[in-house]
PDB file of N, CA and C in Angstrom:
ATOM      1  N   MET A   1       9.478 -14.127   6.495  1.00  0.00           N
ATOM      2  CA  MET A   1      10.128 -14.303   5.213  1.00  0.00           C
ATOM      3  C   MET A   1      10.993 -15.561   5.277  1.00  0.00           C
ATOM      4  N   GLU A   2      10.794 -16.410   4.320  1.00  0.00           N
ATOM      5  CA  GLU A   2      11.605 -17.618   4.221  1.00  0.00           C
ATOM      6  C   GLU A   2      12.975 -17.264   3.656  1.00  0.00           C
ATOM      7  N   ASN A   3      14.021 -17.805   4.257  1.00  0.00           N
ATOM      8  CA  ASN A   3      15.376 -17.557   3.775  1.00  0.00           C
ATOM      9  C   ASN A   3      15.596 -18.359   2.501  1.00  0.00           C
ATOM     10  N   ARG A   4      15.780 -17.655   1.395  1.00  0.00           N
ATOM     11  CA  ARG A   4      16.006 -18.323   0.110  1.00  0.00           C
ATOM     12  C   ARG A   4      17.450 -18.193  -0.377  1.00  0.00           C
ATOM     13  N   ILE A   5      18.312 -17.592   0.433  1.00  0.00           N
ATOM     14  CA  ILE A   5      19.715 -17.435   0.031  1.00  0.00           C
ATOM     15  C   ILE A   5      20.321 -18.812  -0.224  1.00  0.00           C
ATOM     16  N   ASN A   6      21.019 -18.917  -1.344  1.00  0.00           N
ATOM     17  CA  ASN A   6      21.666 -20.145  -1.832  1.00  0.00           C
ATOM     18  C   ASN A   6      20.689 -21.138  -2.451  1.00  0.00           C
ATOM     19  N   SER A   7      19.403 -20.830  -2.483  1.00  0.00           N
ATOM     20  CA  SER A   7      18.471 -21.737  -3.149  1.00  0.00           C
ATOM     21  C   SER A   7      18.444 -21.425  -4.646  1.00  0.00           C
ATOM     22  N   ILE A   8      18.016 -22.395  -5.420  1.00  0.00           N
ATOM     23  CA  ILE A   8      17.980 -22.263  -6.876  1.00  0.00           C
ATOM     24  C   ILE A   8      16.538 -22.046  -7.325  1.00  0.00           C
ATOM     25  N   LEU A   9      16.352 -21.021  -8.145  1.00  0.00           N
ATOM     26  CA  LEU A   9      15.046 -20.723  -8.723  1.00  0.00           C
ATOM     27  C   LEU A   9      15.081 -21.113 -10.200  1.00  0.00           C
ATOM     28  N   GLU A  10      14.107 -21.882 -10.642  1.00  0.00           N
ATOM     29  CA  GLU A  10      14.036 -22.265 -12.054  1.00  0.00           C
ATOM     30  C   GLU A  10      12.868 -21.529 -12.701  1.00  0.00           C
ATOM     31  N   LEU A  11      13.157 -20.825 -13.785  1.00  0.00           N
ATOM     32  CA  LEU A  11      12.129 -20.086 -14.508  1.00  0.00           C
ATOM     33  C   LEU A  11      11.387 -21.008 -15.467  1.00  0.00           C
ATOM     34  N   THR A  12      10.274 -20.521 -15.987  1.00  0.00           N
ATOM     35  CA  THR A  12       9.493 -21.337 -16.918  1.00  0.00           C
ATOM     36  C   THR A  12      10.277 -21.657 -18.188  1.00  0.00           C
ATOM     37  N   ASN A  13      11.270 -20.805 -18.526  1.00  0.00           N
ATOM     38  CA  ASN A  13      12.088 -21.065 -19.714  1.00  0.00           C
ATOM     39  C   ASN A  13      13.265 -21.995 -19.409  1.00  0.00           C
ATOM     40  N   LYS A  14      13.279 -22.573 -18.206  1.00  0.00           N
ATOM     41  CA  LYS A  14      14.275 -23.543 -17.735  1.00  0.00           C
ATOM     42  C   LYS A  14      15.606 -22.915 -17.306  1.00  0.00           C
ATOM     43  N   GLU A  15      15.742 -21.568 -17.380  1.00  0.00           N
ATOM     44  CA  GLU A  15      16.942 -20.929 -16.849  1.00  0.00           C
ATOM     45  C   GLU A  15      16.926 -21.079 -15.337  1.00  0.00           C
ATOM     46  N   LYS A  16      18.115 -21.253 -14.756  1.00  0.00           N
ATOM     47  CA  LYS A  16      18.215 -21.416 -13.316  1.00  0.00           C
ATOM     48  C   LYS A  16      19.068 -20.295 -12.727  1.00  0.00           C
ATOM     49  N   TYR A  17      18.611 -19.780 -11.600  1.00  0.00           N
ATOM     50  CA  TYR A  17      19.302 -18.703 -10.903  1.00  0.00           C
ATOM     51  C   TYR A  17      19.492 -19.099  -9.446  1.00  0.00           C
ATOM     52  N   VAL A  18      20.633 -18.716  -8.877  1.00  0.00           N
ATOM     53  CA  VAL A  18      20.871 -18.919  -7.457  1.00  0.00           C
ATOM     54  C   VAL A  18      20.648 -17.588  -6.753  1.00  0.00           C
ATOM     55  N   VAL A  19      19.994 -17.651  -5.596  1.00  0.00           N
ATOM     56  CA  VAL A  19      19.729 -16.448  -4.809  1.00  0.00           C
ATOM     57  C   VAL A  19      20.984 -16.123  -4.003  1.00  0.00           C
ATOM     58  N   ILE A  20      21.532 -14.938  -4.264  1.00  0.00           N
ATOM     59  CA  ILE A  20      22.749 -14.504  -3.585  1.00  0.00           C
ATOM     60  C   ILE A  20      22.410 -13.745  -2.305  1.00  0.00           C
ATOM     61  N   ASN A  21      21.363 -12.923  -2.374  1.00  0.00           N
ATOM     62  CA  ASN A  21      20.953 -12.146  -1.213  1.00  0.00           C
ATOM     63  C   ASN A  21      19.470 -11.837  -1.347  1.00  0.00           C
ATOM     64  N   GLN A  22      18.858 -11.422  -0.246  1.00  0.00           N
ATOM     65  CA  GLN A  22      17.446 -11.086  -0.276  1.00  0.00           C
ATOM     66  C   GLN A  22      17.159  -9.974   0.713  1.00  0.00           C
ATOM     67  N   ALA A  23      16.080  -9.228   0.450  1.00  0.00           N
ATOM     68  CA  ALA A  23      15.671  -8.132   1.326  1.00  0.00           C
ATOM     69  C   ALA A  23      14.168  -7.939   1.193  1.00  0.00           C
ATOM     70  N   ILE A  24      13.585  -7.333   2.237  1.00  0.00           N
ATOM     71  CA  ILE A  24      12.174  -6.960   2.188  1.00  0.00           C
ATOM     72  C   ILE A  24      12.112  -5.446   2.154  1.00  0.00           C
ATOM     73  N   TYR A  25      11.341  -4.922   1.215  1.00  0.00           N
ATOM     74  CA  TYR A  25      11.128  -3.479   1.125  1.00  0.00           C
ATOM     75  C   TYR A  25       9.643  -3.253   0.904  1.00  0.00           C
ATOM     76  N   LYS A  26       9.039  -2.483   1.801  1.00  0.00           N
ATOM     77  CA  LYS A  26       7.605  -2.192   1.751  1.00  0.00           C
ATOM     78  C   LYS A  26       6.775  -3.468   1.639  1.00  0.00           C
ATOM     79  N   GLY A  27       7.159  -4.477   2.424  1.00  0.00           N
ATOM     80  CA  GLY A  27       6.397  -5.717   2.495  1.00  0.00           C
ATOM     81  C   GLY A  27       6.578  -6.677   1.330  1.00  0.00           C
ATOM     82  N   THR A  28       7.496  -6.380   0.431  1.00  0.00           N
ATOM     83  CA  THR A  28       7.737  -7.229  -0.740  1.00  0.00           C
ATOM     84  C   THR A  28       9.137  -7.828  -0.662  1.00  0.00           C
ATOM     85  N   ASN A  29       9.264  -9.097  -1.015  1.00  0.00           N
ATOM     86  CA  ASN A  29      10.563  -9.773  -1.047  1.00  0.00           C
ATOM     87  C   ASN A  29      11.272  -9.481  -2.362  1.00  0.00           C
ATOM     88  N   TYR A  30      12.545  -9.142  -2.262  1.00  0.00           N
ATOM     89  CA  TYR A  30      13.393  -8.924  -3.434  1.00  0.00           C
ATOM     90  C   TYR A  30      14.625  -9.804  -3.302  1.00  0.00           C
ATOM     91  N   PHE A  31      15.111 -10.293  -4.438  1.00  0.00           N
ATOM     92  CA  PHE A  31      16.268 -11.176  -4.444  1.00  0.00           C
ATOM     93  C   PHE A  31      17.308 -10.681  -5.439  1.00  0.00           C
ATOM     94  N   LEU A  32      18.573 -10.782  -5.051  1.00  0.00           N
ATOM     95  CA  LEU A  32      19.686 -10.607  -5.966  1.00  0.00           C
ATOM     96  C   LEU A  32      20.024 -12.005  -6.436  1.00  0.00           C
ATOM     97  N   VAL A  33      19.911 -12.245  -7.739  1.00  0.00           N
ATOM     98  CA  VAL A  33      20.117 -13.588  -8.275  1.00  0.00           C
ATOM     99  C   VAL A  33      21.195 -13.586  -9.357  1.00  0.00           C
ATOM    100  N   ALA A  34      21.848 -14.719  -9.509  1.00  0.00           N
ATOM    101  CA  ALA A  34      22.862 -14.910 -10.546  1.00  0.00           C
ATOM    102  C   ALA A  34      22.505 -16.159 -11.337  1.00  0.00           C
ATOM    103  N   ARG A  35      22.568 -16.036 -12.653  1.00  0.00           N
ATOM    104  CA  ARG A  35      22.223 -17.173 -13.517  1.00  0.00           C
ATOM    105  C   ARG A  35      23.297 -18.246 -13.442  1.00  0.00           C
ATOM    106  N   LEU A  36      22.845 -19.483 -13.395  1.00  0.00           N
ATOM    107  CA  LEU A  36      23.734 -20.636 -13.372  1.00  0.00           C
ATOM    108  C   LEU A  36      23.952 -21.184 -14.778  1.00  0.00           C
ATOM    109  N   THR A  37      25.077 -21.840 -14.979  1.00  0.00           N
ATOM    110  CA  THR A  37      25.302 -22.548 -16.232  1.00  0.00           C
ATOM    111  C   THR A  37      24.347 -23.740 -16.270  1.00  0.00           C
ATOM    112  N   ASP A  38      24.187 -24.341 -17.431  1.00  0.00           N
ATOM    113  CA  ASP A  38      23.255 -25.455 -17.587  1.00  0.00           C
ATOM    114  C   ASP A  38      23.572 -26.626 -16.662  1.00  0.00           C
ATOM    115  N   ASP A  39      24.856 -26.830 -16.376  1.00  0.00           N
ATOM    116  CA  ASP A  39      25.241 -27.937 -15.486  1.00  0.00           C
ATOM    117  C   ASP A  39      25.202 -27.538 -14.002  1.00  0.00           C
ATOM    118  N   GLU A  40      24.825 -26.284 -13.719  1.00  0.00           N
ATOM    119  CA  GLU A  40      24.683 -25.741 -12.364  1.00  0.00           C
ATOM    120  C   GLU A  40      25.985 -25.725 -11.575  1.00  0.00           C
ATOM    121  N   LYS A  41      27.123 -25.747 -12.267  1.00  0.00           N
ATOM    122  CA  LYS A  41      28.408 -25.783 -11.573  1.00  0.00           C
ATOM    123  C   LYS A  41      29.100 -24.425 -11.512  1.00  0.00           C
ATOM    124  N   ASP A  42      28.576 -23.435 -12.246  1.00  0.00           N
ATOM    125  CA  ASP A  42      29.227 -22.130 -12.285  1.00  0.00           C
ATOM    126  C   ASP A  42      28.184 -21.055 -12.578  1.00  0.00           C
ATOM    127  N   LEU A  43      28.580 -19.807 -12.394  1.00  0.00           N
ATOM    128  CA  LEU A  43      27.718 -18.665 -12.695  1.00  0.00           C
ATOM    129  C   LEU A  43      28.058 -18.115 -14.073  1.00  0.00           C
ATOM    130  N   THR A  44      27.060 -17.568 -14.755  1.00  0.00           N
ATOM    131  CA  THR A  44      27.277 -17.021 -16.093  1.00  0.00           C
ATOM    132  C   THR A  44      27.690 -15.553 -16.065  1.00  0.00           C
ATOM    133  N   GLY A  45      27.516 -14.869 -14.944  1.00  0.00           N
ATOM    134  CA  GLY A  45      27.785 -13.435 -14.876  1.00  0.00           C
ATOM    135  C   GLY A  45      26.533 -12.605 -15.073  1.00  0.00           C
ATOM    136  N   ASP A  46      25.415 -13.247 -15.365  1.00  0.00           N
ATOM    137  CA  ASP A  46      24.126 -12.576 -15.544  1.00  0.00           C
ATOM    138  C   ASP A  46      23.501 -12.380 -14.163  1.00  0.00           C
ATOM    139  N   ILE A  47      23.523 -11.136 -13.662  1.00  0.00           N
ATOM    140  CA  ILE A  47      23.028 -10.803 -12.329  1.00  0.00           C
ATOM    141  C   ILE A  47      21.769  -9.950 -12.478  1.00  0.00           C
ATOM    142  N   LYS A  48      20.752 -10.235 -11.657  1.00  0.00           N
ATOM    143  CA  LYS A  48      19.491  -9.495 -11.733  1.00  0.00           C
ATOM    144  C   LYS A  48      18.936  -9.271 -10.333  1.00  0.00           C
ATOM    145  N   ILE A  49      18.053  -8.279 -10.232  1.00  0.00           N
ATOM    146  CA  ILE A  49      17.251  -8.103  -9.030  1.00  0.00           C
ATOM    147  C   ILE A  49      15.819  -8.428  -9.428  1.00  0.00           C
ATOM    148  N   VAL A  50      15.208  -9.341  -8.677  1.00  0.00           N
ATOM    149  CA  VAL A  50      13.859  -9.785  -8.981  1.00  0.00           C
ATOM    150  C   VAL A  50      12.968  -9.608  -7.764  1.00  0.00           C
ATOM    151  N   GLU A  51      11.681  -9.536  -8.040  1.00  0.00           N
ATOM    152  CA  GLU A  51      10.663  -9.360  -7.008  1.00  0.00           C
ATOM    153  C   GLU A  51       9.822 -10.624  -6.926  1.00  0.00           C
ATOM    154  N   GLU A  52       9.545 -11.063  -5.713  1.00  0.00           N
ATOM    155  CA  GLU A  52       8.692 -12.225  -5.513  1.00  0.00           C
ATOM    156  C   GLU A  52       7.229 -11.789  -5.691  1.00  0.00           C
ATOM    157  N   LYS A  53       6.487 -12.517  -6.513  1.00  0.00           N
ATOM    158  CA  LYS A  53       5.088 -12.176  -6.803  1.00  0.00           C
ATOM    159  C   LYS A  53       4.205 -13.406  -6.667  1.00  0.00           C
ATOM    160  N   LEU A  54       3.001 -13.184  -6.176  1.00  0.00           N
ATOM    161  CA  LEU A  54       1.998 -14.235  -6.116  1.00  0.00           C
ATOM    162  C   LEU A  54       0.964 -13.929  -7.197  1.00  0.00           C
ATOM    163  N   LYS A  55       0.837 -14.840  -8.166  1.00  0.00           N
ATOM    164  CA  LYS A  55      -0.091 -14.632  -9.281  1.00  0.00           C
ATOM    165  C   LYS A  55      -0.893 -15.912  -9.478  1.00  0.00           C
ATOM    166  N   ASP A  56      -2.202 -15.785  -9.406  1.00  0.00           N
ATOM    167  CA  ASP A  56      -3.096 -16.929  -9.571  1.00  0.00           C
ATOM    168  C   ASP A  56      -2.742 -18.071  -8.615  1.00  0.00           C
ATOM    169  N   GLY A  57      -2.341 -17.697  -7.401  1.00  0.00           N
ATOM    170  CA  GLY A  57      -2.011 -18.700  -6.398  1.00  0.00           C
ATOM    171  C   GLY A  57      -0.654 -19.356  -6.565  1.00  0.00           C
ATOM    172  N   ILE A  58       0.123 -18.887  -7.537  1.00  0.00           N
ATOM    173  CA  ILE A  58       1.447 -19.461  -7.799  1.00  0.00           C
ATOM    174  C   ILE A  58       2.511 -18.417  -7.472  1.00  0.00           C
ATOM    175  N   LEU A  59       3.484 -18.812  -6.667  1.00  0.00           N
ATOM    176  CA  LEU A  59       4.568 -17.927  -6.291  1.00  0.00           C
ATOM    177  C   LEU A  59       5.613 -17.921  -7.393  1.00  0.00           C
ATOM    178  N   GLY A  60       5.990 -16.725  -7.842  1.00  0.00           N
ATOM    179  CA  GLY A  60       6.979 -16.611  -8.902  1.00  0.00           C
ATOM    180  C   GLY A  60       7.833 -15.378  -8.696  1.00  0.00           C
ATOM    181  N   ILE A  61       8.641 -15.061  -9.681  1.00  0.00           N
ATOM    182  CA  ILE A  61       9.485 -13.872  -9.620  1.00  0.00           C
ATOM    183  C   ILE A  61       9.308 -13.055 -10.891  1.00  0.00           C
ATOM    184  N   GLU A  62       9.583 -11.761 -10.742  1.00  0.00           N
ATOM    185  CA  GLU A  62       9.483 -10.839 -11.867  1.00  0.00           C
ATOM    186  C   GLU A  62      10.680  -9.897 -11.805  1.00  0.00           C
ATOM    187  N   LEU A  63      11.262  -9.609 -12.939  1.00  0.00           N
ATOM    188  CA  LEU A  63      12.418  -8.729 -13.027  1.00  0.00           C
ATOM    189  C   LEU A  63      12.041  -7.319 -12.583  1.00  0.00           C
ATOM    190  N   VAL A  64      12.875  -6.711 -11.730  1.00  0.00           N
ATOM    191  CA  VAL A  64      12.670  -5.324 -11.324  1.00  0.00           C
ATOM    192  C   VAL A  64      13.241  -4.436 -12.421  1.00  0.00           C
ATOM    193  N   LYS A  65      12.427  -3.515 -12.937  1.00  0.00           N
ATOM    194  CA  LYS A  65      12.850  -2.648 -14.039  1.00  0.00           C
ATOM    195  C   LYS A  65      12.942  -1.179 -13.647  1.00  0.00           C
ATOM    196  N   ASP A  66      12.334  -0.812 -12.523  1.00  0.00           N
ATOM    197  CA  ASP A  66      12.335   0.581 -12.068  1.00  0.00           C
ATOM    198  C   ASP A  66      13.746   0.959 -11.595  1.00  0.00           C
ATOM    199  N   VAL A  67      14.370   1.913 -12.293  1.00  0.00           N
ATOM    200  CA  VAL A  67      15.763   2.281 -12.025  1.00  0.00           C
ATOM    201  C   VAL A  67      15.949   2.797 -10.602  1.00  0.00           C
ATOM    202  N   LYS A  68      15.048   3.623 -10.118  1.00  0.00           N
ATOM    203  CA  LYS A  68      15.184   4.161  -8.756  1.00  0.00           C
ATOM    204  C   LYS A  68      15.065   3.057  -7.712  1.00  0.00           C
ATOM    205  N   LEU A  69      14.173   2.116  -7.944  1.00  0.00           N
ATOM    206  CA  LEU A  69      14.031   0.988  -7.027  1.00  0.00           C
ATOM    207  C   LEU A  69      15.277   0.104  -7.059  1.00  0.00           C
ATOM    208  N   ILE A  70      15.835  -0.111  -8.240  1.00  0.00           N
ATOM    209  CA  ILE A  70      17.072  -0.896  -8.360  1.00  0.00           C
ATOM    210  C   ILE A  70      18.201  -0.221  -7.582  1.00  0.00           C
ATOM    211  N   GLU A  71      18.330   1.100  -7.725  1.00  0.00           N
ATOM    212  CA  GLU A  71      19.380   1.829  -7.006  1.00  0.00           C
ATOM    213  C   GLU A  71      19.209   1.684  -5.498  1.00  0.00           C
ATOM    214  N   LEU A  72      17.981   1.788  -5.013  1.00  0.00           N
ATOM    215  CA  LEU A  72      17.708   1.638  -3.588  1.00  0.00           C
ATOM    216  C   LEU A  72      18.022   0.220  -3.111  1.00  0.00           C
ATOM    217  N   LEU A  73      17.526  -0.775  -3.839  1.00  0.00           N
ATOM    218  CA  LEU A  73      17.731  -2.168  -3.441  1.00  0.00           C
ATOM    219  C   LEU A  73      19.203  -2.585  -3.484  1.00  0.00           C
ATOM    220  N   THR A  74      19.956  -2.002  -4.394  1.00  0.00           N
ATOM    221  CA  THR A  74      21.377  -2.339  -4.524  1.00  0.00           C
ATOM    222  C   THR A  74      22.116  -2.035  -3.231  1.00  0.00           C
ATOM    223  N   LYS A  75      21.692  -0.994  -2.516  1.00  0.00           N
ATOM    224  CA  LYS A  75      22.327  -0.652  -1.244  1.00  0.00           C
ATOM    225  C   LYS A  75      22.170  -1.780  -0.220  1.00  0.00           C
ATOM    226  N   TYR A  76      21.040  -2.478  -0.279  1.00  0.00           N
ATOM    227  CA  TYR A  76      20.759  -3.536   0.689  1.00  0.00           C
ATOM    228  C   TYR A  76      21.162  -4.922   0.193  1.00  0.00           C
ATOM    229  N   LEU A  77      21.097  -5.131  -1.109  1.00  0.00           N
ATOM    230  CA  LEU A  77      21.371  -6.448  -1.664  1.00  0.00           C
ATOM    231  C   LEU A  77      22.816  -6.636  -2.098  1.00  0.00           C
ATOM    232  N   GLY A  78      23.522  -5.524  -2.323  1.00  0.00           N
ATOM    233  CA  GLY A  78      24.891  -5.598  -2.810  1.00  0.00           C
ATOM    234  C   GLY A  78      25.869  -5.984  -1.702  1.00  0.00           C
ATOM    235  N   PRO A  79      27.144  -6.084  -2.047  1.00  0.00           N
ATOM    236  CA  PRO A  79      28.171  -6.456  -1.069  1.00  0.00           C
ATOM    237  C   PRO A  79      28.217  -5.469   0.088  1.00  0.00           C
ATOM    238  N   GLN A  80      28.389  -5.977   1.288  1.00  0.00           N
ATOM    239  CA  GLN A  80      28.478  -5.136   2.474  1.00  0.00           C
ATOM    240  C   GLN A  80      29.950  -4.880   2.784  1.00  0.00           C
ATOM    241  N   GLU A  81      30.253  -3.646   3.152  1.00  0.00           N
ATOM    242  CA  GLU A  81      31.653  -3.292   3.471  1.00  0.00           C
ATOM    243  C   GLU A  81      32.009  -3.684   4.874  1.00  0.00           C
TER     244      GLU A  81
END
C-alpha cells in the first residue's frame, strides 16, 4: 500500500481533499479525507471516508456509504488515544 497521508486528491468536479489517515480492510484501501478550500490553505470541515477503486484502469475514490462499515473504519481512521 502506498502511503497517501498528506497527499491531495482532486476529484473530477475539481474539489480537492487531503488524506488525513488511511487503512486497509479486507484488501481494500480506505482514506479519511478533509476537503480543502479553493486556495488549498485551509480545511472546510467537510470530512469523509472514501474507498480506493480501480475502474477501467483508472484509480479513483468512491464515498463509503455503508453505515456499519463507516463505524468500523472510524475506529482505525479516527484519532488515536
